[in-house]
Amino acid sequence: MVEECSAKLLQAGYRVEQVPTIGNPADEILKVADTHEADLIVTGAKGLGAVGRFLLGSVSTRVAQHASCSALVVR
């Protein structure tokens, strides 16, 4: 699926770079965005309720709150 999306973005003229990492997802996303001087972070949201976000935390919420660039959260 990642390859398909990457190919579509490349055809549309965007620059695509896949960066597999291990660690806390939100922290790793933020590090990669800073390293590559990203203009925009696009992330999905599972749609956890308030209790789920409180207990599990939300990657998309943390990314949106701490990103040094714009962040788009898609449901």
N, C-alpha and C. Protein backbone atom coordinates (compact mmCIF):
# COMPACT_ATOMS: atom_id res chain seq x y z
N MET A 1 0.82 -1.17 0.00
CA MET A 1 0.00 0.00 0.00
C MET A 1 0.88 1.26 0.00
N VAL A 2 1.96 1.23 0.77
CA VAL A 2 2.86 2.38 0.82
C VAL A 2 3.48 2.62 -0.56
N GLU A 3 3.86 1.55 -1.22
CA GLU A 3 4.45 1.67 -2.55
C GLU A 3 3.46 2.29 -3.54
N GLU A 4 2.21 1.86 -3.48
CA GLU A 4 1.18 2.40 -4.38
C GLU A 4 0.98 3.89 -4.16
N CYS A 5 0.87 4.28 -2.89
CA CYS A 5 0.68 5.70 -2.57
C CYS A 5 1.90 6.52 -2.96
N SER A 6 3.09 5.97 -2.72
CA SER A 6 4.32 6.67 -3.11
C SER A 6 4.37 6.89 -4.61
N ALA A 7 4.01 5.87 -5.37
CA ALA A 7 4.03 5.98 -6.83
C ALA A 7 3.05 7.06 -7.31
N LYS A 8 1.87 7.12 -6.72
CA LYS A 8 0.88 8.13 -7.11
C LYS A 8 1.39 9.54 -6.80
N LEU A 9 2.00 9.70 -5.65
CA LEU A 9 2.52 11.01 -5.27
C LEU A 9 3.67 11.43 -6.19
N LEU A 10 4.54 10.49 -6.53
CA LEU A 10 5.64 10.78 -7.44
C LEU A 10 5.12 11.22 -8.81
N GLN A 11 4.11 10.51 -9.31
CA GLN A 11 3.52 10.86 -10.60
C GLN A 11 2.89 12.24 -10.57
N ALA A 12 2.40 12.65 -9.40
CA ALA A 12 1.77 13.96 -9.27
C ALA A 12 2.80 15.08 -9.06
N GLY A 13 4.08 14.69 -8.99
CA GLY A 13 5.12 15.70 -8.89
C GLY A 13 5.65 15.96 -7.48
N TYR A 14 5.24 15.15 -6.52
CA TYR A 14 5.72 15.33 -5.15
C TYR A 14 7.01 14.55 -4.93
N ARG A 15 7.78 14.99 -3.97
CA ARG A 15 8.99 14.26 -3.57
C ARG A 15 8.59 13.29 -2.47
N VAL A 16 8.97 12.03 -2.60
CA VAL A 16 8.58 11.00 -1.64
C VAL A 16 9.84 10.30 -1.15
N GLU A 17 9.91 10.15 0.17
CA GLU A 17 11.02 9.39 0.76
C GLU A 17 10.46 8.56 1.90
N GLN A 18 10.64 7.26 1.84
CA GLN A 18 10.18 6.37 2.90
C GLN A 18 11.31 6.23 3.91
N VAL A 19 10.97 6.39 5.19
CA VAL A 19 11.98 6.35 6.25
C VAL A 19 11.50 5.41 7.35
N PRO A 20 11.82 4.12 7.23
CA PRO A 20 11.40 3.19 8.30
C PRO A 20 12.24 3.41 9.56
N THR A 21 11.57 3.50 10.71
CA THR A 21 12.26 3.68 11.98
C THR A 21 11.60 2.83 13.06
N ILE A 22 12.27 2.71 14.18
CA ILE A 22 11.73 1.97 15.33
C ILE A 22 11.72 2.93 16.51
N GLY A 23 10.63 2.94 17.25
CA GLY A 23 10.53 3.79 18.43
C GLY A 23 9.11 4.25 18.63
N ASN A 24 8.95 5.25 19.50
CA ASN A 24 7.65 5.83 19.75
C ASN A 24 7.17 6.50 18.46
N PRO A 25 6.02 6.11 17.93
CA PRO A 25 5.59 6.62 16.62
C PRO A 25 5.55 8.14 16.52
N ALA A 26 4.96 8.82 17.49
CA ALA A 26 4.85 10.28 17.42
C ALA A 26 6.23 10.92 17.44
N ASP A 27 7.09 10.46 18.33
CA ASP A 27 8.44 11.03 18.43
C ASP A 27 9.23 10.81 17.15
N GLU A 28 9.11 9.63 16.57
CA GLU A 28 9.86 9.31 15.34
C GLU A 28 9.35 10.15 14.17
N ILE A 29 8.04 10.32 14.07
CA ILE A 29 7.46 11.15 13.00
C ILE A 29 7.97 12.59 13.13
N LEU A 30 7.97 13.11 14.35
CA LEU A 30 8.43 14.48 14.57
C LEU A 30 9.92 14.63 14.26
N LYS A 31 10.73 13.64 14.64
CA LYS A 31 12.17 13.69 14.35
C LYS A 31 12.43 13.70 12.85
N VAL A 32 11.76 12.80 12.12
CA VAL A 32 11.96 12.71 10.67
C VAL A 32 11.49 14.00 9.99
N ALA A 33 10.37 14.55 10.44
CA ALA A 33 9.87 15.80 9.85
C ALA A 33 10.87 16.93 10.07
N ASP A 34 11.46 17.01 11.26
CA ASP A 34 12.46 18.04 11.53
C ASP A 34 13.72 17.83 10.71
N THR A 35 14.19 16.58 10.64
CA THR A 35 15.41 16.26 9.90
C THR A 35 15.27 16.62 8.42
N HIS A 36 14.11 16.35 7.85
CA HIS A 36 13.89 16.58 6.43
C HIS A 36 13.24 17.93 6.14
N GLU A 37 13.10 18.75 7.17
CA GLU A 37 12.50 20.07 7.02
C GLU A 37 11.17 20.00 6.26
N ALA A 38 10.31 19.13 6.75
CA ALA A 38 9.01 18.91 6.09
C ALA A 38 8.14 20.16 6.16
N ASP A 39 7.35 20.36 5.12
CA ASP A 39 6.39 21.45 5.08
C ASP A 39 5.05 21.02 5.66
N LEU A 40 4.76 19.73 5.58
CA LEU A 40 3.46 19.22 6.00
C LEU A 40 3.61 17.77 6.46
N ILE A 41 2.96 17.44 7.56
CA ILE A 41 2.85 16.05 8.03
C ILE A 41 1.40 15.65 7.85
N VAL A 42 1.16 14.55 7.17
CA VAL A 42 -0.19 14.02 7.00
C VAL A 42 -0.26 12.72 7.77
N THR A 43 -1.21 12.62 8.68
CA THR A 43 -1.35 11.42 9.49
C THR A 43 -2.82 11.05 9.62
N GLY A 44 -3.07 9.80 9.88
CA GLY A 44 -4.43 9.33 10.06
C GLY A 44 -4.79 9.28 11.53
N ALA A 45 -6.09 9.22 11.82
CA ALA A 45 -6.58 9.09 13.19
C ALA A 45 -7.53 7.91 13.23
N LYS A 46 -7.39 7.08 14.25
CA LYS A 46 -8.25 5.91 14.39
C LYS A 46 -9.65 6.28 14.86
N GLY A 47 -9.77 7.42 15.48
CA GLY A 47 -11.07 7.82 16.00
C GLY A 47 -11.32 7.28 17.39
N LEU A 48 -10.26 7.19 18.21
CA LEU A 48 -10.44 6.78 19.60
C LEU A 48 -11.30 7.80 20.32
N GLY A 49 -12.07 7.32 21.28
CA GLY A 49 -12.85 8.25 22.09
C GLY A 49 -11.95 8.93 23.11
N ALA A 50 -12.55 9.78 23.92
CA ALA A 50 -11.78 10.53 24.92
C ALA A 50 -11.08 9.59 25.90
N VAL A 51 -11.74 8.52 26.30
CA VAL A 51 -11.14 7.57 27.24
C VAL A 51 -9.97 6.85 26.59
N GLY A 52 -10.12 6.43 25.35
CA GLY A 52 -9.04 5.75 24.63
C GLY A 52 -7.83 6.64 24.45
N ARG A 53 -8.07 7.91 24.11
CA ARG A 53 -6.95 8.85 23.97
C ARG A 53 -6.24 9.04 25.30
N PHE A 54 -7.02 9.11 26.39
CA PHE A 54 -6.44 9.31 27.72
C PHE A 54 -5.59 8.10 28.12
N LEU A 55 -6.11 6.90 27.89
CA LEU A 55 -5.41 5.69 28.31
C LEU A 55 -4.25 5.32 27.38
N LEU A 56 -4.46 5.43 26.09
CA LEU A 56 -3.46 4.99 25.12
C LEU A 56 -2.63 6.13 24.55
N GLY A 57 -3.13 7.33 24.64
CA GLY A 57 -2.47 8.45 23.99
C GLY A 57 -2.86 8.44 22.52
N SER A 58 -2.60 9.54 21.85
CA SER A 58 -2.95 9.63 20.44
C SER A 58 -1.74 10.13 19.68
N VAL A 59 -1.28 9.32 18.73
CA VAL A 59 -0.13 9.72 17.91
C VAL A 59 -0.47 10.98 17.14
N SER A 60 -1.64 11.01 16.51
CA SER A 60 -2.00 12.16 15.68
C SER A 60 -2.13 13.43 16.52
N THR A 61 -2.67 13.32 17.73
CA THR A 61 -2.79 14.49 18.60
C THR A 61 -1.42 15.01 18.99
N ARG A 62 -0.52 14.11 19.38
CA ARG A 62 0.83 14.53 19.78
C ARG A 62 1.56 15.17 18.60
N VAL A 63 1.44 14.57 17.43
CA VAL A 63 2.10 15.12 16.24
C VAL A 63 1.55 16.51 15.93
N ALA A 64 0.23 16.67 15.96
CA ALA A 64 -0.38 17.95 15.64
C ALA A 64 0.02 19.03 16.65
N GLN A 65 0.16 18.66 17.92
CA GLN A 65 0.49 19.63 18.95
C GLN A 65 1.96 20.02 18.95
N HIS A 66 2.85 19.11 18.55
CA HIS A 66 4.28 19.35 18.70
C HIS A 66 5.05 19.54 17.39
N ALA A 67 4.37 19.45 16.27
CA ALA A 67 5.06 19.58 14.98
C ALA A 67 5.55 21.01 14.76
N SER A 68 6.72 21.12 14.14
CA SER A 68 7.26 22.45 13.82
C SER A 68 6.77 22.92 12.45
N CYS A 69 5.94 22.11 11.79
CA CYS A 69 5.34 22.48 10.51
C CYS A 69 3.84 22.20 10.60
N SER A 70 3.13 22.43 9.54
CA SER A 70 1.69 22.14 9.52
C SER A 70 1.45 20.64 9.60
N ALA A 71 0.34 20.26 10.22
CA ALA A 71 -0.03 18.85 10.32
C ALA A 71 -1.50 18.71 9.90
N LEU A 72 -1.76 17.70 9.08
CA LEU A 72 -3.11 17.41 8.61
C LEU A 72 -3.49 16.04 9.15
N VAL A 73 -4.57 15.99 9.93
CA VAL A 73 -5.03 14.72 10.50
C VAL A 73 -6.28 14.30 9.74
N VAL A 74 -6.24 13.09 9.17
CA VAL A 74 -7.32 12.57 8.33
C VAL A 74 -8.03 11.45 9.07
N ARG A 75 -9.35 11.49 9.06
CA ARG A 75 -10.15 10.40 9.67
C ARG A 75 -10.77 9.57 8.60
